[in-house]
Amino acid sequence: MTDAKTGAPPADLVVAAGAIATMGARRQILLDGAVAIRGTRIVAVGKRDTILARYRPDTLIDATSGSACWSWRRSSRMSGGCRRTT
């Protein structure tokens, strides 16, 4: 499914952060990263510019203040004090 106007895949939420620590086998740390979420699923993790160019979220949370302000649990709920921008 894509957005009819932009052709971008839908996302309910994008969290753009200064650094993202992935929980994959490689345990990567992405500097200037972002996470796109649709419903209760993380649909993409990558560089901020790439995610924002690819997804058009209903809500964008800018968490680039340099502090760790959110964490993901198995239920994909966000916790913490990030700043919502849209």
PDB file of N, CA and C in Angstrom:
ATOM      1  N   MET A   1       0.834  -1.161   0.000  1.00  0.00           N
ATOM      2  CA  MET A   1       0.000   0.000   0.000  1.00  0.00           C
ATOM      3  C   MET A   1       0.892   1.242   0.000  1.00  0.00           C
ATOM      4  N   THR A   2       0.514   2.269  -0.784  1.00  0.00           N
ATOM      5  CA  THR A   2       1.277   3.510  -0.837  1.00  0.00           C
ATOM      6  C   THR A   2       0.344   4.695  -0.737  1.00  0.00           C
ATOM      7  N   ASP A   3       0.900   5.831  -0.378  1.00  0.00           N
ATOM      8  CA  ASP A   3       0.171   7.084  -0.330  1.00  0.00           C
ATOM      9  C   ASP A   3      -0.159   7.504  -1.764  1.00  0.00           C
ATOM     10  N   ALA A   4      -1.420   7.804  -2.056  1.00  0.00           N
ATOM     11  CA  ALA A   4      -1.826   8.135  -3.420  1.00  0.00           C
ATOM     12  C   ALA A   4      -1.159   9.399  -3.943  1.00  0.00           C
ATOM     13  N   LYS A   5      -0.882  10.353  -3.065  1.00  0.00           N
ATOM     14  CA  LYS A   5      -0.281  11.621  -3.497  1.00  0.00           C
ATOM     15  C   LYS A   5       1.227  11.522  -3.681  1.00  0.00           C
ATOM     16  N   THR A   6       1.915  10.856  -2.758  1.00  0.00           N
ATOM     17  CA  THR A   6       3.383  10.849  -2.778  1.00  0.00           C
ATOM     18  C   THR A   6       3.982   9.541  -3.263  1.00  0.00           C
ATOM     19  N   GLY A   7       3.195   8.466  -3.252  1.00  0.00           N
ATOM     20  CA  GLY A   7       3.737   7.156  -3.601  1.00  0.00           C
ATOM     21  C   GLY A   7       4.523   6.512  -2.470  1.00  0.00           C
ATOM     22  N   ALA A   8       4.593   7.179  -1.316  1.00  0.00           N
ATOM     23  CA  ALA A   8       5.348   6.669  -0.176  1.00  0.00           C
ATOM     24  C   ALA A   8       4.516   5.662   0.600  1.00  0.00           C
ATOM     25  N   PRO A   9       5.160   4.628   1.161  1.00  0.00           N
ATOM     26  CA  PRO A   9       4.427   3.696   2.022  1.00  0.00           C
ATOM     27  C   PRO A   9       3.913   4.433   3.258  1.00  0.00           C
ATOM     28  N   PRO A  10       2.750   4.041   3.770  1.00  0.00           N
ATOM     29  CA  PRO A  10       2.230   4.722   4.954  1.00  0.00           C
ATOM     30  C   PRO A  10       2.982   4.330   6.217  1.00  0.00           C
ATOM     31  N   ALA A  11       3.030   5.260   7.140  1.00  0.00           N
ATOM     32  CA  ALA A  11       3.570   4.991   8.478  1.00  0.00           C
ATOM     33  C   ALA A  11       2.732   5.808   9.447  1.00  0.00           C
ATOM     34  N   ASP A  12       2.377   5.203  10.554  1.00  0.00           N
ATOM     35  CA  ASP A  12       1.628   5.934  11.570  1.00  0.00           C
ATOM     36  C   ASP A  12       2.532   6.883  12.330  1.00  0.00           C
ATOM     37  N   LEU A  13       3.780   6.450  12.509  1.00  0.00           N
ATOM     38  CA  LEU A  13       4.699   7.194  13.357  1.00  0.00           C
ATOM     39  C   LEU A  13       6.127   7.010  12.850  1.00  0.00           C
ATOM     40  N   VAL A  14       6.890   8.092  12.845  1.00  0.00           N
ATOM     41  CA  VAL A  14       8.338   8.004  12.641  1.00  0.00           C
ATOM     42  C   VAL A  14       8.992   8.704  13.822  1.00  0.00           C
ATOM     43  N   VAL A  15       9.923   7.998  14.468  1.00  0.00           N
ATOM     44  CA  VAL A  15      10.725   8.577  15.537  1.00  0.00           C
ATOM     45  C   VAL A  15      12.108   8.806  14.959  1.00  0.00           C
ATOM     46  N   ALA A  16      12.501  10.065  14.865  1.00  0.00           N
ATOM     47  CA  ALA A  16      13.819  10.432  14.348  1.00  0.00           C
ATOM     48  C   ALA A  16      14.698  10.756  15.543  1.00  0.00           C
ATOM     49  N   ALA A  17      15.777  10.008  15.675  1.00  0.00           N
ATOM     50  CA  ALA A  17      16.609  10.120  16.870  1.00  0.00           C
ATOM     51  C   ALA A  17      18.055  10.400  16.508  1.00  0.00           C
ATOM     52  N   GLY A  18      18.801  10.906  17.447  1.00  0.00           N
ATOM     53  CA  GLY A  18      20.223  11.121  17.243  1.00  0.00           C
ATOM     54  C   GLY A  18      20.968   9.818  17.055  1.00  0.00           C
ATOM     55  N   ALA A  19      20.650   8.817  17.855  1.00  0.00           N
ATOM     56  CA  ALA A  19      21.291   7.503  17.752  1.00  0.00           C
ATOM     57  C   ALA A  19      20.270   6.426  18.083  1.00  0.00           C
ATOM     58  N   ILE A  20      20.336   5.340  17.326  1.00  0.00           N
ATOM     59  CA  ILE A  20      19.437   4.215  17.551  1.00  0.00           C
ATOM     60  C   ILE A  20      20.277   2.963  17.719  1.00  0.00           C
ATOM     61  N   ALA A  21      20.059   2.247  18.802  1.00  0.00           N
ATOM     62  CA  ALA A  21      20.723   0.962  19.021  1.00  0.00           C
ATOM     63  C   ALA A  21      19.746  -0.123  18.597  1.00  0.00           C
ATOM     64  N   THR A  22      20.123  -0.911  17.600  1.00  0.00           N
ATOM     65  CA  THR A  22      19.236  -1.968  17.119  1.00  0.00           C
ATOM     66  C   THR A  22      19.366  -3.198  18.004  1.00  0.00           C
ATOM     67  N   MET A  23      18.352  -4.012  18.002  1.00  0.00           N
ATOM     68  CA  MET A  23      18.360  -5.230  18.799  1.00  0.00           C
ATOM     69  C   MET A  23      18.589  -6.454  17.925  1.00  0.00           C
ATOM     70  N   GLY A  24      19.038  -6.259  16.687  1.00  0.00           N
ATOM     71  CA  GLY A  24      19.343  -7.370  15.791  1.00  0.00           C
ATOM     72  C   GLY A  24      20.617  -8.082  16.224  1.00  0.00           C
ATOM     73  N   ALA A  25      20.945  -9.139  15.519  1.00  0.00           N
ATOM     74  CA  ALA A  25      22.119  -9.945  15.859  1.00  0.00           C
ATOM     75  C   ALA A  25      23.406  -9.132  15.836  1.00  0.00           C
ATOM     76  N   ARG A  26      23.476  -8.120  14.958  1.00  0.00           N
ATOM     77  CA  ARG A  26      24.695  -7.310  14.843  1.00  0.00           C
ATOM     78  C   ARG A  26      24.758  -6.174  15.862  1.00  0.00           C
ATOM     79  N   ARG A  27      23.655  -5.895  16.552  1.00  0.00           N
ATOM     80  CA  ARG A  27      23.616  -4.845  17.586  1.00  0.00           C
ATOM     81  C   ARG A  27      24.223  -3.527  17.089  1.00  0.00           C
ATOM     82  N   GLN A  28      23.743  -3.065  15.948  1.00  0.00           N
ATOM     83  CA  GLN A  28      24.267  -1.843  15.347  1.00  0.00           C
ATOM     84  C   GLN A  28      23.827  -0.603  16.112  1.00  0.00           C
ATOM     85  N   ILE A  29      24.627   0.435  16.024  1.00  0.00           N
ATOM     86  CA  ILE A  29      24.248   1.752  16.503  1.00  0.00           C
ATOM     87  C   ILE A  29      24.218   2.658  15.291  1.00  0.00           C
ATOM     88  N   LEU A  30      23.031   3.174  14.980  1.00  0.00           N
ATOM     89  CA  LEU A  30      22.858   4.068  13.837  1.00  0.00           C
ATOM     90  C   LEU A  30      22.876   5.506  14.330  1.00  0.00           C
ATOM     91  N   LEU A  31      23.825   6.277  13.874  1.00  0.00           N
ATOM     92  CA  LEU A  31      23.859   7.691  14.208  1.00  0.00           C
ATOM     93  C   LEU A  31      22.950   8.420  13.233  1.00  0.00           C
ATOM     94  N   ASP A  32      22.213   9.391  13.712  1.00  0.00           N
ATOM     95  CA  ASP A  32      21.249  10.134  12.895  1.00  0.00           C
ATOM     96  C   ASP A  32      20.254   9.166  12.251  1.00  0.00           C
ATOM     97  N   GLY A  33      19.670   8.299  13.072  1.00  0.00           N
ATOM     98  CA  GLY A  33      18.758   7.274  12.576  1.00  0.00           C
ATOM     99  C   GLY A  33      17.298   7.621  12.796  1.00  0.00           C
ATOM    100  N   ALA A  34      16.423   6.730  12.308  1.00  0.00           N
ATOM    101  CA  ALA A  34      14.980   6.886  12.483  1.00  0.00           C
ATOM    102  C   ALA A  34      14.323   5.513  12.445  1.00  0.00           C
ATOM    103  N   VAL A  35      13.120   5.452  13.042  1.00  0.00           N
ATOM    104  CA  VAL A  35      12.330   4.229  13.074  1.00  0.00           C
ATOM    105  C   VAL A  35      10.937   4.568  12.553  1.00  0.00           C
ATOM    106  N   ALA A  36      10.448   3.793  11.577  1.00  0.00           N
ATOM    107  CA  ALA A  36       9.087   3.964  11.054  1.00  0.00           C
ATOM    108  C   ALA A  36       8.204   2.858  11.613  1.00  0.00           C
ATOM    109  N   ILE A  37       7.013   3.241  12.079  1.00  0.00           N
ATOM    110  CA  ILE A  37       6.089   2.297  12.695  1.00  0.00           C
ATOM    111  C   ILE A  37       4.739   2.387  12.001  1.00  0.00           C
ATOM    112  N   ARG A  38       4.150   1.223  11.715  1.00  0.00           N
ATOM    113  CA  ARG A  38       2.794   1.145  11.174  1.00  0.00           C
ATOM    114  C   ARG A  38       2.014   0.213  12.075  1.00  0.00           C
ATOM    115  N   GLY A  39       0.959   0.729  12.681  1.00  0.00           N
ATOM    116  CA  GLY A  39       0.193  -0.077  13.634  1.00  0.00           C
ATOM    117  C   GLY A  39       1.063  -0.426  14.824  1.00  0.00           C
ATOM    118  N   THR A  40       1.249  -1.709  15.077  1.00  0.00           N
ATOM    119  CA  THR A  40       2.089  -2.150  16.188  1.00  0.00           C
ATOM    120  C   THR A  40       3.413  -2.726  15.701  1.00  0.00           C
ATOM    121  N   ARG A  41       3.751  -2.500  14.449  1.00  0.00           N
ATOM    122  CA  ARG A  41       4.967  -3.077  13.854  1.00  0.00           C
ATOM    123  C   ARG A  41       5.980  -2.012  13.461  1.00  0.00           C
ATOM    124  N   ILE A  42       7.232  -2.291  13.757  1.00  0.00           N
ATOM    125  CA  ILE A  42       8.329  -1.484  13.226  1.00  0.00           C
ATOM    126  C   ILE A  42       8.518  -1.941  11.793  1.00  0.00           C
ATOM    127  N   VAL A  43       8.351  -1.025  10.834  1.00  0.00           N
ATOM    128  CA  VAL A  43       8.441  -1.405   9.424  1.00  0.00           C
ATOM    129  C   VAL A  43       9.774  -1.032   8.796  1.00  0.00           C
ATOM    130  N   ALA A  44      10.525  -0.133   9.436  1.00  0.00           N
ATOM    131  CA  ALA A  44      11.837   0.231   8.893  1.00  0.00           C
ATOM    132  C   ALA A  44      12.680   0.908   9.957  1.00  0.00           C
ATOM    133  N   VAL A  45      13.982   0.639   9.887  1.00  0.00           N
ATOM    134  CA  VAL A  45      14.975   1.300  10.724  1.00  0.00           C
ATOM    135  C   VAL A  45      16.110   1.670   9.796  1.00  0.00           C
ATOM    136  N   GLY A  46      16.572   2.916   9.884  1.00  0.00           N
ATOM    137  CA  GLY A  46      17.664   3.328   9.011  1.00  0.00           C
ATOM    138  C   GLY A  46      18.076   4.760   9.271  1.00  0.00           C
ATOM    139  N   LYS A  47      18.835   5.314   8.329  1.00  0.00           N
ATOM    140  CA  LYS A  47      19.263   6.706   8.442  1.00  0.00           C
ATOM    141  C   LYS A  47      18.049   7.631   8.385  1.00  0.00           C
ATOM    142  N   ARG A  48      18.081   8.695   9.160  1.00  0.00           N
ATOM    143  CA  ARG A  48      16.969   9.653   9.249  1.00  0.00           C
ATOM    144  C   ARG A  48      16.523  10.133   7.874  1.00  0.00           C
ATOM    145  N   ASP A  49      17.456  10.608   7.051  1.00  0.00           N
ATOM    146  CA  ASP A  49      17.096  11.139   5.732  1.00  0.00           C
ATOM    147  C   ASP A  49      16.426  10.087   4.857  1.00  0.00           C
ATOM    148  N   THR A  50      16.919   8.855   4.910  1.00  0.00           N
ATOM    149  CA  THR A  50      16.356   7.773   4.100  1.00  0.00           C
ATOM    150  C   THR A  50      14.932   7.445   4.533  1.00  0.00           C
ATOM    151  N   ILE A  51      14.718   7.316   5.844  1.00  0.00           N
ATOM    152  CA  ILE A  51      13.384   6.978   6.364  1.00  0.00           C
ATOM    153  C   ILE A  51      12.405   8.106   6.079  1.00  0.00           C
ATOM    154  N   LEU A  52      12.806   9.351   6.311  1.00  0.00           N
ATOM    155  CA  LEU A  52      11.896  10.476   6.078  1.00  0.00           C
ATOM    156  C   LEU A  52      11.598  10.677   4.598  1.00  0.00           C
ATOM    157  N   ALA A  53      12.522  10.319   3.717  1.00  0.00           N
ATOM    158  CA  ALA A  53      12.268  10.411   2.276  1.00  0.00           C
ATOM    159  C   ALA A  53      11.333   9.298   1.821  1.00  0.00           C
ATOM    160  N   ARG A  54      11.397   8.152   2.490  1.00  0.00           N
ATOM    161  CA  ARG A  54      10.617   6.992   2.055  1.00  0.00           C
ATOM    162  C   ARG A  54       9.220   6.942   2.662  1.00  0.00           C
ATOM    163  N   TYR A  55       9.064   7.368   3.910  1.00  0.00           N
ATOM    164  CA  TYR A  55       7.788   7.269   4.615  1.00  0.00           C
ATOM    165  C   TYR A  55       7.205   8.639   4.886  1.00  0.00           C
ATOM    166  N   ARG A  56       5.892   8.737   4.814  1.00  0.00           N
ATOM    167  CA  ARG A  56       5.169   9.958   5.154  1.00  0.00           C
ATOM    168  C   ARG A  56       4.298   9.663   6.369  1.00  0.00           C
ATOM    169  N   PRO A  57       4.837   9.922   7.575  1.00  0.00           N
ATOM    170  CA  PRO A  57       4.110   9.524   8.783  1.00  0.00           C
ATOM    171  C   PRO A  57       2.973  10.476   9.137  1.00  0.00           C
ATOM    172  N   ASP A  58       1.980   9.903   9.817  1.00  0.00           N
ATOM    173  CA  ASP A  58       0.931  10.736  10.399  1.00  0.00           C
ATOM    174  C   ASP A  58       1.508  11.578  11.527  1.00  0.00           C
ATOM    175  N   THR A  59       2.461  11.017  12.274  1.00  0.00           N
ATOM    176  CA  THR A  59       3.102  11.694  13.395  1.00  0.00           C
ATOM    177  C   THR A  59       4.609  11.528  13.285  1.00  0.00           C
ATOM    178  N   LEU A  60       5.319  12.637  13.466  1.00  0.00           N
ATOM    179  CA  LEU A  60       6.787  12.619  13.491  1.00  0.00           C
ATOM    180  C   LEU A  60       7.238  13.086  14.857  1.00  0.00           C
ATOM    181  N   ILE A  61       8.039  12.271  15.530  1.00  0.00           N
ATOM    182  CA  ILE A  61       8.605  12.658  16.822  1.00  0.00           C
ATOM    183  C   ILE A  61      10.088  12.902  16.614  1.00  0.00           C
ATOM    184  N   ASP A  62      10.510  14.117  16.930  1.00  0.00           N
ATOM    185  CA  ASP A  62      11.913  14.509  16.803  1.00  0.00           C
ATOM    186  C   ASP A  62      12.592  14.258  18.137  1.00  0.00           C
ATOM    187  N   ALA A  63      13.434  13.239  18.174  1.00  0.00           N
ATOM    188  CA  ALA A  63      14.133  12.859  19.407  1.00  0.00           C
ATOM    189  C   ALA A  63      15.627  13.094  19.247  1.00  0.00           C
ATOM    190  N   THR A  64      15.997  14.129  18.505  1.00  0.00           N
ATOM    191  CA  THR A  64      17.403  14.387  18.190  1.00  0.00           C
ATOM    192  C   THR A  64      18.115  15.229  19.235  1.00  0.00           C
ATOM    193  N   SER A  65      17.523  15.398  20.387  1.00  0.00           N
ATOM    194  CA  SER A  65      18.122  16.237  21.426  1.00  0.00           C
ATOM    195  C   SER A  65      19.414  15.662  21.987  1.00  0.00           C
ATOM    196  N   GLY A  66      19.729  14.440  21.610  1.00  0.00           N
ATOM    197  CA  GLY A  66      20.967  13.836  22.082  1.00  0.00           C
ATOM    198  C   GLY A  66      20.801  12.978  23.314  1.00  0.00           C
ATOM    199  N   SER A  67      19.595  12.940  23.876  1.00  0.00           N
ATOM    200  CA  SER A  67      19.379  12.115  25.052  1.00  0.00           C
ATOM    201  C   SER A  67      18.562  10.889  24.677  1.00  0.00           C
ATOM    202  N   ALA A  68      18.779   9.816  25.402  1.00  0.00           N
ATOM    203  CA  ALA A  68      17.971   8.616  25.187  1.00  0.00           C
ATOM    204  C   ALA A  68      16.633   8.846  25.853  1.00  0.00           C
ATOM    205  N   CYS A  69      15.575   9.007  25.055  1.00  0.00           N
ATOM    206  CA  CYS A  69      14.293   9.371  25.653  1.00  0.00           C
ATOM    207  C   CYS A  69      13.195   8.376  25.340  1.00  0.00           C
ATOM    208  N   TRP A  70      13.520   7.257  24.712  1.00  0.00           N
ATOM    209  CA  TRP A  70      12.483   6.274  24.422  1.00  0.00           C
ATOM    210  C   TRP A  70      13.086   4.888  24.349  1.00  0.00           C
ATOM    211  N   SER A  71      12.234   3.930  24.543  1.00  0.00           N
ATOM    212  CA  SER A  71      12.675   2.545  24.441  1.00  0.00           C
ATOM    213  C   SER A  71      11.533   1.726  23.875  1.00  0.00           C
ATOM    214  N   TRP A  72      11.882   0.672  23.141  1.00  0.00           N
ATOM    215  CA  TRP A  72      10.862  -0.197  22.542  1.00  0.00           C
ATOM    216  C   TRP A  72      10.810  -1.491  23.330  1.00  0.00           C
ATOM    217  N   ARG A  73       9.604  -1.907  23.588  1.00  0.00           N
ATOM    218  CA  ARG A  73       9.385  -3.177  24.255  1.00  0.00           C
ATOM    219  C   ARG A  73       8.730  -4.120  23.255  1.00  0.00           C
ATOM    220  N   ARG A  74       8.545  -5.356  23.637  1.00  0.00           N
ATOM    221  CA  ARG A  74       7.943  -6.336  22.723  1.00  0.00           C
ATOM    222  C   ARG A  74       6.600  -5.878  22.179  1.00  0.00           C
ATOM    223  N   SER A  75       5.878  -5.088  22.914  1.00  0.00           N
ATOM    224  CA  SER A  75       4.567  -4.622  22.463  1.00  0.00           C
ATOM    225  C   SER A  75       4.681  -3.427  21.524  1.00  0.00           C
ATOM    226  N   SER A  76       5.896  -2.954  21.250  1.00  0.00           N
ATOM    227  CA  SER A  76       6.153  -1.811  20.364  1.00  0.00           C
ATOM    228  C   SER A  76       5.535  -0.516  20.874  1.00  0.00           C
ATOM    229  N   ARG A  77       5.411  -0.400  22.175  1.00  0.00           N
ATOM    230  CA  ARG A  77       4.922   0.858  22.738  1.00  0.00           C
ATOM    231  C   ARG A  77       6.099   1.761  23.038  1.00  0.00           C
ATOM    232  N   MET A  78       5.893   3.035  22.870  1.00  0.00           N
ATOM    233  CA  MET A  78       6.967   3.974  23.129  1.00  0.00           C
ATOM    234  C   MET A  78       6.817   4.528  24.539  1.00  0.00           C
ATOM    235  N   SER A  79       7.912   4.692  25.217  1.00  0.00           N
ATOM    236  CA  SER A  79       7.881   5.322  26.529  1.00  0.00           C
ATOM    237  C   SER A  79       8.943   6.408  26.564  1.00  0.00           C
ATOM    238  N   GLY A  80       8.728   7.402  27.361  1.00  0.00           N
ATOM    239  CA  GLY A  80       9.724   8.457  27.487  1.00  0.00           C
ATOM    240  C   GLY A  80       9.147   9.813  27.165  1.00  0.00           C
ATOM    241  N   GLY A  81      10.024  10.795  27.082  1.00  0.00           N
ATOM    242  CA  GLY A  81       9.577  12.165  26.916  1.00  0.00           C
ATOM    243  C   GLY A  81      10.082  12.817  25.646  1.00  0.00           C
ATOM    244  N   CYS A  82       9.778  12.283  24.496  1.00  0.00           N
ATOM    245  CA  CYS A  82      10.215  12.879  23.231  1.00  0.00           C
ATOM    246  C   CYS A  82       9.281  14.006  22.820  1.00  0.00           C
ATOM    247  N   ARG A  83       9.750  14.829  21.921  1.00  0.00           N
ATOM    248  CA  ARG A  83       9.007  15.990  21.461  1.00  0.00           C
ATOM    249  C   ARG A  83       8.308  15.658  20.145  1.00  0.00           C
ATOM    250  N   ARG A  84       6.985  15.776  20.102  1.00  0.00           N
ATOM    251  CA  ARG A  84       6.210  15.509  18.898  1.00  0.00           C
ATOM    252  C   ARG A  84       6.263  16.746  18.006  1.00  0.00           C
ATOM    253  N   THR A  85       6.515  16.556  16.712  1.00  0.00           N
ATOM    254  CA  THR A  85       6.628  17.698  15.808  1.00  0.00           C
ATOM    255  C   THR A  85       5.483  17.820  14.847  1.00  0.00           C
ATOM    256  N   THR A  86       4.704  16.776  14.628  1.00  0.00           N
ATOM    257  CA  THR A  86       3.521  16.878  13.753  1.00  0.00           C
ATOM    258  C   THR A  86       2.373  16.121  14.353  1.00  0.00           C
TER     259      THR A  86
END
